[in-house]
Amino acid sequence: AEAKITEAIRKLESGSFKTAEKRAAEAEQIYRDAELRAIKVNYLNETWELLAKSKKLKVKNYAPKTLAQSHQLITEAEKELNENRYDTDVARSLAHQAKYEARHALYIAQRLKRMRAEKGSLEDLMIESEEPLKKSAGMFDIEAEFDTGYDKVTDQIAAAIADNQKKLTKLSQELAY
């Protein structure tokens, strides 16, 4: 780009206005392309690195849906940047989601690989996945029972949180008066 600018200046000084204008336009395009690449690197590079790592670790064999979601989101983010490089809110959000899904896919793959290495079963994985809900339920004195799935416990926890929020709002209002 700098060489094109220098050439444009020389052509301008020698009176070749059309050639100078052409070289200046070429330089401008090179600068714009560089700017767009820099913006993409800023928003997408970490996710591209995670996706490259995922490929190397064969994450697709363990978490294909999550990985595909990350690929779709980064593609949308890149498209958004191509279409509007200066309004980056949507692209930033998509890039953030893509990065999360890539990390999520890596976690799933790591967990499933570890489970396989430890000769764990799907039942072991299900029981392990119940622990965070049990812990949360315990904080509200709810006995977590999973004989019908997660929905009942999740609904009980959500109801307890909503109840506590109402109580907190009421107490805050009382303190304000």
N, C-alpha and C. Protein backbone atom coordinates (compact mmCIF):
# COMPACT_ATOMS: atom_id res chain seq x y z
N ALA A 1 0.83 -1.19 0.00
CA ALA A 1 0.00 0.00 0.00
C ALA A 1 0.87 1.25 0.00
N GLU A 2 1.94 1.22 0.81
CA GLU A 2 2.82 2.37 0.84
C GLU A 2 3.51 2.58 -0.51
N ALA A 3 3.88 1.48 -1.15
CA ALA A 3 4.50 1.59 -2.48
C ALA A 3 3.52 2.19 -3.48
N LYS A 4 2.26 1.81 -3.38
CA LYS A 4 1.24 2.37 -4.28
C LYS A 4 1.04 3.86 -4.02
N ILE A 5 1.07 4.26 -2.77
CA ILE A 5 0.93 5.67 -2.42
C ILE A 5 2.12 6.45 -2.97
N THR A 6 3.30 5.91 -2.75
CA THR A 6 4.52 6.57 -3.26
C THR A 6 4.45 6.71 -4.78
N GLU A 7 4.03 5.64 -5.43
CA GLU A 7 3.89 5.69 -6.89
C GLU A 7 2.83 6.71 -7.31
N ALA A 8 1.73 6.77 -6.59
CA ALA A 8 0.67 7.74 -6.89
C ALA A 8 1.19 9.17 -6.77
N ILE A 9 2.00 9.41 -5.74
CA ILE A 9 2.57 10.75 -5.55
C ILE A 9 3.49 11.10 -6.72
N ARG A 10 4.33 10.14 -7.12
CA ARG A 10 5.24 10.39 -8.25
C ARG A 10 4.45 10.69 -9.52
N LYS A 11 3.41 9.91 -9.76
CA LYS A 11 2.60 10.10 -10.97
C LYS A 11 1.89 11.46 -10.92
N LEU A 12 1.42 11.82 -9.75
CA LEU A 12 0.75 13.11 -9.58
C LEU A 12 1.73 14.25 -9.86
N GLU A 13 2.93 14.13 -9.30
CA GLU A 13 3.95 15.16 -9.50
C GLU A 13 4.38 15.28 -10.97
N SER A 14 4.31 14.15 -11.70
CA SER A 14 4.71 14.19 -13.12
C SER A 14 3.54 14.57 -14.03
N GLY A 15 2.37 14.79 -13.42
CA GLY A 15 1.23 15.24 -14.21
C GLY A 15 0.34 14.13 -14.73
N SER A 16 0.61 12.91 -14.37
CA SER A 16 -0.21 11.78 -14.83
C SER A 16 -1.34 11.54 -13.81
N PHE A 17 -2.37 12.38 -13.91
CA PHE A 17 -3.44 12.38 -12.90
C PHE A 17 -4.24 11.08 -12.87
N LYS A 18 -4.57 10.54 -14.02
CA LYS A 18 -5.38 9.30 -14.06
C LYS A 18 -4.62 8.13 -13.43
N THR A 19 -3.34 8.01 -13.75
CA THR A 19 -2.54 6.93 -13.17
C THR A 19 -2.38 7.15 -11.67
N ALA A 20 -2.18 8.39 -11.27
CA ALA A 20 -2.05 8.70 -9.84
C ALA A 20 -3.33 8.32 -9.10
N GLU A 21 -4.45 8.67 -9.70
CA GLU A 21 -5.74 8.34 -9.09
C GLU A 21 -5.92 6.82 -8.99
N LYS A 22 -5.51 6.11 -10.01
CA LYS A 22 -5.63 4.64 -10.03
C LYS A 22 -4.75 4.03 -8.93
N ARG A 23 -3.51 4.50 -8.79
CA ARG A 23 -2.61 3.97 -7.75
C ARG A 23 -3.13 4.30 -6.35
N ALA A 24 -3.68 5.48 -6.19
CA ALA A 24 -4.25 5.87 -4.89
C ALA A 24 -5.43 4.96 -4.53
N ALA A 25 -6.27 4.65 -5.51
CA ALA A 25 -7.41 3.76 -5.28
C ALA A 25 -6.92 2.35 -4.92
N GLU A 26 -5.88 1.90 -5.58
CA GLU A 26 -5.32 0.58 -5.27
C GLU A 26 -4.78 0.55 -3.83
N ALA A 27 -4.08 1.62 -3.45
CA ALA A 27 -3.55 1.72 -2.08
C ALA A 27 -4.69 1.72 -1.06
N GLU A 28 -5.73 2.49 -1.38
CA GLU A 28 -6.87 2.55 -0.47
C GLU A 28 -7.47 1.17 -0.26
N GLN A 29 -7.61 0.40 -1.34
CA GLN A 29 -8.19 -0.94 -1.23
C GLN A 29 -7.30 -1.85 -0.39
N ILE A 30 -6.00 -1.73 -0.58
CA ILE A 30 -5.07 -2.55 0.22
C ILE A 30 -5.19 -2.19 1.70
N TYR A 31 -5.27 -0.90 2.00
CA TYR A 31 -5.44 -0.47 3.39
C TYR A 31 -6.77 -0.97 3.96
N ARG A 32 -7.83 -0.88 3.18
CA ARG A 32 -9.15 -1.35 3.65
C ARG A 32 -9.12 -2.86 3.93
N ASP A 33 -8.47 -3.61 3.04
CA ASP A 33 -8.36 -5.06 3.24
C ASP A 33 -7.57 -5.37 4.51
N ALA A 34 -6.50 -4.63 4.73
CA ALA A 34 -5.68 -4.83 5.93
C ALA A 34 -6.48 -4.48 7.18
N GLU A 35 -7.25 -3.40 7.09
CA GLU A 35 -8.07 -2.99 8.22
C GLU A 35 -9.09 -4.09 8.56
N LEU A 36 -9.75 -4.63 7.55
CA LEU A 36 -10.74 -5.68 7.77
C LEU A 36 -10.08 -6.92 8.37
N ARG A 37 -8.92 -7.29 7.87
CA ARG A 37 -8.21 -8.45 8.44
C ARG A 37 -7.87 -8.20 9.90
N ALA A 38 -7.45 -6.99 10.23
CA ALA A 38 -7.12 -6.66 11.61
C ALA A 38 -8.35 -6.74 12.51
N ILE A 39 -9.47 -6.24 12.02
CA ILE A 39 -10.72 -6.30 12.79
C ILE A 39 -11.11 -7.77 13.02
N LYS A 40 -11.01 -8.59 11.98
CA LYS A 40 -11.35 -10.01 12.10
C LYS A 40 -10.43 -10.71 13.10
N VAL A 41 -9.14 -10.41 13.03
CA VAL A 41 -8.20 -11.01 13.97
C VAL A 41 -8.58 -10.62 15.39
N ASN A 42 -8.92 -9.34 15.59
CA ASN A 42 -9.29 -8.86 16.91
C ASN A 42 -10.49 -9.61 17.49
N TYR A 43 -11.49 -9.85 16.66
CA TYR A 43 -12.72 -10.47 17.17
C TYR A 43 -12.76 -11.99 17.04
N LEU A 44 -12.05 -12.55 16.07
CA LEU A 44 -12.24 -13.96 15.75
C LEU A 44 -11.03 -14.85 15.99
N ASN A 45 -9.87 -14.27 16.19
CA ASN A 45 -8.65 -15.07 16.23
C ASN A 45 -8.66 -16.14 17.33
N GLU A 46 -9.08 -15.78 18.53
CA GLU A 46 -9.09 -16.76 19.63
C GLU A 46 -9.99 -17.94 19.30
N THR A 47 -11.13 -17.67 18.68
CA THR A 47 -12.05 -18.75 18.32
C THR A 47 -11.45 -19.61 17.22
N TRP A 48 -10.81 -18.98 16.23
CA TRP A 48 -10.15 -19.77 15.19
C TRP A 48 -9.09 -20.69 15.80
N GLU A 49 -8.36 -20.17 16.78
CA GLU A 49 -7.34 -20.99 17.45
C GLU A 49 -7.99 -22.16 18.20
N LEU A 50 -9.10 -21.89 18.87
CA LEU A 50 -9.81 -22.96 19.58
C LEU A 50 -10.34 -24.01 18.59
N LEU A 51 -10.84 -23.56 17.46
CA LEU A 51 -11.35 -24.50 16.45
C LEU A 51 -10.22 -25.33 15.84
N ALA A 52 -9.05 -24.72 15.68
CA ALA A 52 -7.89 -25.47 15.19
C ALA A 52 -7.47 -26.51 16.22
N LYS A 53 -7.48 -26.13 17.48
CA LYS A 53 -7.16 -27.06 18.56
C LYS A 53 -8.19 -28.20 18.59
N SER A 54 -9.45 -27.85 18.38
CA SER A 54 -10.53 -28.86 18.37
C SER A 54 -10.30 -29.87 17.25
N LYS A 55 -9.87 -29.38 16.10
CA LYS A 55 -9.61 -30.28 14.98
C LYS A 55 -8.47 -31.22 15.32
N LYS A 56 -7.41 -30.67 15.89
CA LYS A 56 -6.24 -31.46 16.26
C LYS A 56 -6.60 -32.54 17.29
N LEU A 57 -7.49 -32.20 18.22
CA LEU A 57 -7.88 -33.13 19.28
C LEU A 57 -9.07 -34.01 18.91
N LYS A 58 -9.52 -33.89 17.65
CA LYS A 58 -10.63 -34.70 17.14
C LYS A 58 -11.90 -34.55 17.98
N VAL A 59 -12.18 -33.31 18.35
CA VAL A 59 -13.36 -33.01 19.15
C VAL A 59 -14.64 -33.37 18.39
N LYS A 60 -14.59 -33.30 17.08
CA LYS A 60 -15.76 -33.62 16.26
C LYS A 60 -16.30 -35.02 16.56
N ASN A 61 -15.42 -35.93 16.97
CA ASN A 61 -15.84 -37.29 17.30
C ASN A 61 -16.65 -37.36 18.59
N TYR A 62 -16.54 -36.34 19.42
CA TYR A 62 -17.20 -36.36 20.73
C TYR A 62 -18.32 -35.33 20.86
N ALA A 63 -18.15 -34.19 20.23
CA ALA A 63 -19.12 -33.10 20.39
C ALA A 63 -19.41 -32.45 19.03
N PRO A 64 -19.90 -33.22 18.07
CA PRO A 64 -20.08 -32.67 16.72
C PRO A 64 -21.11 -31.55 16.64
N LYS A 65 -22.17 -31.63 17.41
CA LYS A 65 -23.22 -30.60 17.36
C LYS A 65 -22.73 -29.28 17.94
N THR A 66 -22.07 -29.36 19.06
CA THR A 66 -21.56 -28.15 19.72
C THR A 66 -20.48 -27.51 18.85
N LEU A 67 -19.62 -28.32 18.28
CA LEU A 67 -18.57 -27.81 17.41
C LEU A 67 -19.17 -27.18 16.15
N ALA A 68 -20.18 -27.81 15.58
CA ALA A 68 -20.85 -27.26 14.40
C ALA A 68 -21.50 -25.92 14.73
N GLN A 69 -22.05 -25.80 15.92
CA GLN A 69 -22.65 -24.53 16.36
C GLN A 69 -21.59 -23.44 16.41
N SER A 70 -20.41 -23.77 16.92
CA SER A 70 -19.32 -22.80 16.98
C SER A 70 -18.91 -22.37 15.57
N HIS A 71 -18.79 -23.33 14.66
CA HIS A 71 -18.43 -23.01 13.28
C HIS A 71 -19.48 -22.10 12.64
N GLN A 72 -20.74 -22.40 12.87
CA GLN A 72 -21.82 -21.59 12.30
C GLN A 72 -21.76 -20.16 12.84
N LEU A 73 -21.55 -20.03 14.13
CA LEU A 73 -21.51 -18.70 14.74
C LEU A 73 -20.32 -17.88 14.27
N ILE A 74 -19.16 -18.52 14.14
CA ILE A 74 -17.99 -17.75 13.69
C ILE A 74 -18.14 -17.35 12.23
N THR A 75 -18.80 -18.20 11.45
CA THR A 75 -19.07 -17.86 10.05
C THR A 75 -20.01 -16.66 9.98
N GLU A 76 -21.04 -16.65 10.82
CA GLU A 76 -21.96 -15.52 10.87
C GLU A 76 -21.25 -14.24 11.33
N ALA A 77 -20.37 -14.38 12.31
CA ALA A 77 -19.62 -13.22 12.81
C ALA A 77 -18.73 -12.65 11.71
N GLU A 78 -18.07 -13.53 10.99
CA GLU A 78 -17.20 -13.07 9.90
C GLU A 78 -18.01 -12.39 8.80
N LYS A 79 -19.16 -12.96 8.47
CA LYS A 79 -20.04 -12.36 7.47
C LYS A 79 -20.49 -10.96 7.93
N GLU A 80 -20.84 -10.87 9.20
CA GLU A 80 -21.28 -9.59 9.77
C GLU A 80 -20.16 -8.55 9.67
N LEU A 81 -18.93 -8.95 9.95
CA LEU A 81 -17.80 -8.02 9.84
C LEU A 81 -17.55 -7.62 8.39
N ASN A 82 -17.70 -8.58 7.48
CA ASN A 82 -17.52 -8.25 6.06
C ASN A 82 -18.54 -7.22 5.60
N GLU A 83 -19.75 -7.33 6.12
CA GLU A 83 -20.83 -6.43 5.69
C GLU A 83 -20.81 -5.09 6.41
N ASN A 84 -20.33 -5.09 7.66
CA ASN A 84 -20.34 -3.84 8.42
C ASN A 84 -19.22 -3.86 9.44
N ARG A 85 -18.04 -3.50 9.01
CA ARG A 85 -16.86 -3.58 9.87
C ARG A 85 -16.84 -2.55 11.00
N TYR A 86 -17.61 -1.49 10.89
CA TYR A 86 -17.56 -0.43 11.90
C TYR A 86 -18.62 -0.56 12.98
N ASP A 87 -19.69 -1.28 12.69
CA ASP A 87 -20.72 -1.53 13.71
C ASP A 87 -20.54 -2.98 14.14
N THR A 88 -19.72 -3.18 15.16
CA THR A 88 -19.27 -4.53 15.51
C THR A 88 -20.07 -5.18 16.64
N ASP A 89 -21.14 -4.57 17.09
CA ASP A 89 -21.89 -5.13 18.22
C ASP A 89 -22.39 -6.54 17.94
N VAL A 90 -23.04 -6.74 16.81
CA VAL A 90 -23.58 -8.06 16.47
C VAL A 90 -22.43 -9.05 16.27
N ALA A 91 -21.42 -8.64 15.54
CA ALA A 91 -20.28 -9.52 15.28
C ALA A 91 -19.58 -9.90 16.58
N ARG A 92 -19.43 -8.95 17.48
CA ARG A 92 -18.78 -9.22 18.77
C ARG A 92 -19.59 -10.25 19.55
N SER A 93 -20.89 -10.10 19.56
CA SER A 93 -21.76 -11.04 20.26
C SER A 93 -21.67 -12.44 19.65
N LEU A 94 -21.73 -12.51 18.33
CA LEU A 94 -21.62 -13.80 17.64
C LEU A 94 -20.26 -14.44 17.90
N ALA A 95 -19.21 -13.64 17.86
CA ALA A 95 -17.86 -14.15 18.12
C ALA A 95 -17.75 -14.69 19.54
N HIS A 96 -18.34 -13.97 20.48
CA HIS A 96 -18.32 -14.42 21.88
C HIS A 96 -19.04 -15.76 22.02
N GLN A 97 -20.19 -15.89 21.39
CA GLN A 97 -20.94 -17.15 21.43
C GLN A 97 -20.16 -18.28 20.76
N ALA A 98 -19.53 -17.98 19.63
CA ALA A 98 -18.74 -18.99 18.91
C ALA A 98 -17.58 -19.47 19.77
N LYS A 99 -16.94 -18.54 20.45
CA LYS A 99 -15.82 -18.89 21.33
C LYS A 99 -16.30 -19.77 22.49
N TYR A 100 -17.43 -19.40 23.07
CA TYR A 100 -18.00 -20.22 24.15
C TYR A 100 -18.29 -21.63 23.65
N GLU A 101 -18.94 -21.76 22.51
CA GLU A 101 -19.30 -23.08 21.99
C GLU A 101 -18.05 -23.91 21.67
N ALA A 102 -17.00 -23.27 21.20
CA ALA A 102 -15.75 -23.99 20.93
C ALA A 102 -15.15 -24.50 22.25
N ARG A 103 -15.13 -23.64 23.28
CA ARG A 103 -14.64 -24.09 24.59
C ARG A 103 -15.52 -25.19 25.16
N HIS A 104 -16.84 -25.05 24.97
CA HIS A 104 -17.80 -26.04 25.44
C HIS A 104 -17.55 -27.39 24.77
N ALA A 105 -17.34 -27.37 23.46
CA ALA A 105 -17.07 -28.61 22.72
C ALA A 105 -15.78 -29.26 23.22
N LEU A 106 -14.76 -28.45 23.47
CA LEU A 106 -13.51 -28.99 24.01
C LEU A 106 -13.73 -29.63 25.37
N TYR A 107 -14.54 -28.98 26.23
CA TYR A 107 -14.84 -29.54 27.55
C TYR A 107 -15.58 -30.88 27.42
N ILE A 108 -16.59 -30.90 26.57
CA ILE A 108 -17.36 -32.14 26.39
C ILE A 108 -16.44 -33.26 25.93
N ALA A 109 -15.61 -32.98 24.96
CA ALA A 109 -14.69 -34.00 24.44
C ALA A 109 -13.74 -34.48 25.53
N GLN A 110 -13.20 -33.54 26.30
CA GLN A 110 -12.28 -33.90 27.38
C GLN A 110 -12.98 -34.79 28.41
N ARG A 111 -14.19 -34.39 28.77
CA ARG A 111 -14.95 -35.16 29.78
C ARG A 111 -15.28 -36.56 29.28
N LEU A 112 -15.70 -36.67 28.02
CA LEU A 112 -16.05 -37.99 27.47
C LEU A 112 -14.82 -38.86 27.29
N LYS A 113 -13.70 -38.26 26.92
CA LYS A 113 -12.45 -39.02 26.81
C LYS A 113 -12.03 -39.56 28.18
N ARG A 114 -12.12 -38.70 29.19
CA ARG A 114 -11.76 -39.12 30.55
C ARG A 114 -12.68 -40.24 31.03
N MET A 115 -13.97 -40.08 30.75
CA MET A 115 -14.93 -41.11 31.16
C MET A 115 -14.59 -42.44 30.49
N ARG A 116 -14.27 -42.40 29.21
CA ARG A 116 -13.92 -43.61 28.47
C ARG A 116 -12.65 -44.23 29.04
N ALA A 117 -11.65 -43.39 29.35
CA ALA A 117 -10.38 -43.89 29.90
C ALA A 117 -10.59 -44.54 31.27
N GLU A 118 -11.52 -43.99 32.04
CA GLU A 118 -11.81 -44.53 33.38
C GLU A 118 -12.83 -45.66 33.32
N LYS A 119 -13.22 -46.02 32.10
CA LYS A 119 -14.22 -47.07 31.87
C LYS A 119 -15.53 -46.75 32.57
N GLY A 120 -15.88 -45.48 32.55
CA GLY A 120 -17.14 -45.04 33.14
C GLY A 120 -18.31 -45.36 32.22
N SER A 121 -19.47 -45.37 32.80
CA SER A 121 -20.67 -45.67 32.03
C SER A 121 -21.50 -44.41 31.84
N LEU A 122 -22.51 -44.51 30.99
CA LEU A 122 -23.44 -43.39 30.84
C LEU A 122 -24.16 -43.11 32.14
N GLU A 123 -24.43 -44.17 32.90
CA GLU A 123 -25.06 -43.97 34.21
C GLU A 123 -24.17 -43.12 35.11
N ASP A 124 -22.86 -43.40 35.10
CA ASP A 124 -21.93 -42.59 35.90
C ASP A 124 -22.00 -41.12 35.49
N LEU A 125 -22.06 -40.89 34.19
CA LEU A 125 -22.13 -39.52 33.69
C LEU A 125 -23.44 -38.85 34.13
N MET A 126 -24.55 -39.57 34.06
CA MET A 126 -25.84 -39.02 34.49
C MET A 126 -25.82 -38.67 35.99
N ILE A 127 -25.30 -39.58 36.78
CA ILE A 127 -25.24 -39.34 38.23
C ILE A 127 -24.36 -38.14 38.54
N GLU A 128 -23.23 -38.05 37.84
CA GLU A 128 -22.33 -36.91 38.03
C GLU A 128 -23.01 -35.61 37.64
N SER A 129 -23.80 -35.64 36.58
CA SER A 129 -24.46 -34.41 36.12
C SER A 129 -25.58 -33.98 37.07
N GLU A 130 -26.05 -34.85 37.94
CA GLU A 130 -27.08 -34.50 38.92
C GLU A 130 -26.51 -33.72 40.11
N GLU A 131 -25.21 -33.84 40.34
CA GLU A 131 -24.60 -33.24 41.53
C GLU A 131 -24.79 -31.73 41.64
N PRO A 132 -24.57 -30.96 40.58
CA PRO A 132 -24.78 -29.51 40.73
C PRO A 132 -26.22 -29.15 41.10
N LEU A 133 -27.18 -29.88 40.54
CA LEU A 133 -28.58 -29.62 40.90
C LEU A 133 -28.85 -30.01 42.35
N LYS A 134 -28.27 -31.10 42.79
CA LYS A 134 -28.43 -31.51 44.20
C LYS A 134 -27.89 -30.42 45.11
N LYS A 135 -26.71 -29.90 44.76
CA LYS A 135 -26.08 -28.87 45.58
C LYS A 135 -26.96 -27.61 45.62
N SER A 136 -27.46 -27.20 44.47
CA SER A 136 -28.32 -26.01 44.41
C SER A 136 -29.61 -26.24 45.18
N ALA A 137 -30.20 -27.41 45.00
CA ALA A 137 -31.45 -27.73 45.71
C ALA A 137 -31.22 -27.71 47.22
N GLY A 138 -30.09 -28.23 47.66
CA GLY A 138 -29.77 -28.26 49.08
C GLY A 138 -29.71 -26.88 49.70
N MET A 139 -29.32 -25.89 48.93
CA MET A 139 -29.25 -24.52 49.44
C MET A 139 -30.63 -23.98 49.77
N PHE A 140 -31.67 -24.58 49.21
CA PHE A 140 -33.05 -24.16 49.46
C PHE A 140 -33.83 -25.21 50.26
N ASP A 141 -33.10 -26.12 50.87
CA ASP A 141 -33.72 -27.22 51.63
C ASP A 141 -34.70 -28.02 50.79
N ILE A 142 -34.34 -28.23 49.54
CA ILE A 142 -35.14 -29.04 48.63
C ILE A 142 -34.43 -30.38 48.47
N GLU A 143 -35.19 -31.44 48.62
CA GLU A 143 -34.60 -32.77 48.39
C GLU A 143 -34.67 -33.05 46.90
N ALA A 144 -33.51 -33.19 46.29
CA ALA A 144 -33.42 -33.41 44.85
C ALA A 144 -33.71 -34.87 44.53
N GLU A 145 -34.78 -35.08 43.79
CA GLU A 145 -35.15 -36.43 43.36
C GLU A 145 -35.20 -36.43 41.84
N PHE A 146 -34.50 -37.38 41.23
CA PHE A 146 -34.36 -37.41 39.78
C PHE A 146 -35.06 -38.61 39.14
N ASP A 147 -36.00 -39.21 39.85
CA ASP A 147 -36.67 -40.40 39.32
C ASP A 147 -37.57 -40.07 38.13
N THR A 148 -37.87 -38.78 37.93
CA THR A 148 -38.66 -38.38 36.75
C THR A 148 -37.87 -37.41 35.86
N GLY A 149 -36.56 -37.30 36.11
CA GLY A 149 -35.73 -36.41 35.31
C GLY A 149 -35.34 -35.17 36.08
N TYR A 150 -34.84 -34.19 35.36
CA TYR A 150 -34.32 -32.97 35.97
C TYR A 150 -35.38 -31.89 36.13
N ASP A 151 -36.44 -31.96 35.37
CA ASP A 151 -37.41 -30.86 35.32
C ASP A 151 -38.01 -30.51 36.68
N LYS A 152 -38.40 -31.51 37.45
CA LYS A 152 -39.05 -31.25 38.74
C LYS A 152 -38.10 -30.47 39.66
N VAL A 153 -36.88 -30.93 39.77
CA VAL A 153 -35.91 -30.27 40.66
C VAL A 153 -35.60 -28.87 40.14
N THR A 154 -35.41 -28.74 38.83
CA THR A 154 -35.13 -27.44 38.23
C THR A 154 -36.27 -26.46 38.51
N ASP A 155 -37.50 -26.93 38.36
CA ASP A 155 -38.66 -26.07 38.62
C ASP A 155 -38.73 -25.68 40.10
N GLN A 156 -38.41 -26.61 40.99
CA GLN A 156 -38.44 -26.31 42.43
C GLN A 156 -37.38 -25.25 42.77
N ILE A 157 -36.21 -25.38 42.21
CA ILE A 157 -35.14 -24.41 42.46
C ILE A 157 -35.54 -23.05 41.91
N ALA A 158 -36.07 -23.02 40.68
CA ALA A 158 -36.50 -21.76 40.07
C ALA A 158 -37.59 -21.10 40.91
N ALA A 159 -38.53 -21.89 41.42
CA ALA A 159 -39.59 -21.34 42.26
C ALA A 159 -39.02 -20.78 43.56
N ALA A 160 -38.05 -21.47 44.14
CA ALA A 160 -37.43 -20.99 45.38
C ALA A 160 -36.68 -19.69 45.13
N ILE A 161 -36.00 -19.59 44.02
CA ILE A 161 -35.28 -18.35 43.68
C ILE A 161 -36.27 -17.21 43.48
N ALA A 162 -37.34 -17.47 42.75
CA ALA A 162 -38.36 -16.44 42.52
C ALA A 162 -38.97 -15.99 43.84
N ASP A 163 -39.24 -16.93 44.73
CA ASP A 163 -39.80 -16.61 46.04
C ASP A 163 -38.83 -15.73 46.84
N ASN A 164 -37.55 -16.10 46.82
CA ASN A 164 -36.55 -15.30 47.53
C ASN A 164 -36.42 -13.90 46.93
N GLN A 165 -36.53 -13.79 45.61
CA GLN A 165 -36.46 -12.48 44.98
C GLN A 165 -37.64 -11.61 45.40
N LYS A 166 -38.82 -12.21 45.50
CA LYS A 166 -40.00 -11.45 45.96
C LYS A 166 -39.80 -10.97 47.39
N LYS A 167 -39.29 -11.87 48.23
CA LYS A 167 -39.03 -11.50 49.63
C LYS A 167 -38.00 -10.38 49.72
N LEU A 168 -36.97 -10.47 48.91
CA LEU A 168 -35.93 -9.45 48.91
C LEU A 168 -36.48 -8.10 48.45
N THR A 169 -37.30 -8.13 47.43
CA THR A 169 -37.93 -6.90 46.93
C THR A 169 -38.79 -6.28 48.03
N LYS A 170 -39.58 -7.11 48.69
CA LYS A 170 -40.47 -6.63 49.76
C LYS A 170 -39.65 -6.03 50.91
N LEU A 171 -38.58 -6.73 51.30
CA LEU A 171 -37.74 -6.22 52.38
C LEU A 171 -37.05 -4.90 51.99
N SER A 172 -36.62 -4.82 50.75
CA SER A 172 -35.98 -3.59 50.27
C SER A 172 -36.95 -2.41 50.30
N GLN A 173 -38.20 -2.69 49.90
CA GLN A 173 -39.21 -1.64 49.93
C GLN A 173 -39.52 -1.21 51.35
N GLU A 174 -39.57 -2.19 52.27
CA GLU A 174 -39.85 -1.85 53.67
C GLU A 174 -38.74 -1.01 54.25
N LEU A 175 -37.48 -1.33 53.88
CA LEU A 175 -36.34 -0.55 54.38
C LEU A 175 -36.34 0.87 53.79
N ALA A 176 -36.85 1.00 52.60
CA ALA A 176 -36.87 2.31 51.95
C ALA A 176 -37.85 3.25 52.62
N TYR A 177 -38.87 2.73 53.30
CA TYR A 177 -39.88 3.58 53.95
C TYR A 177 -39.51 3.85 55.33
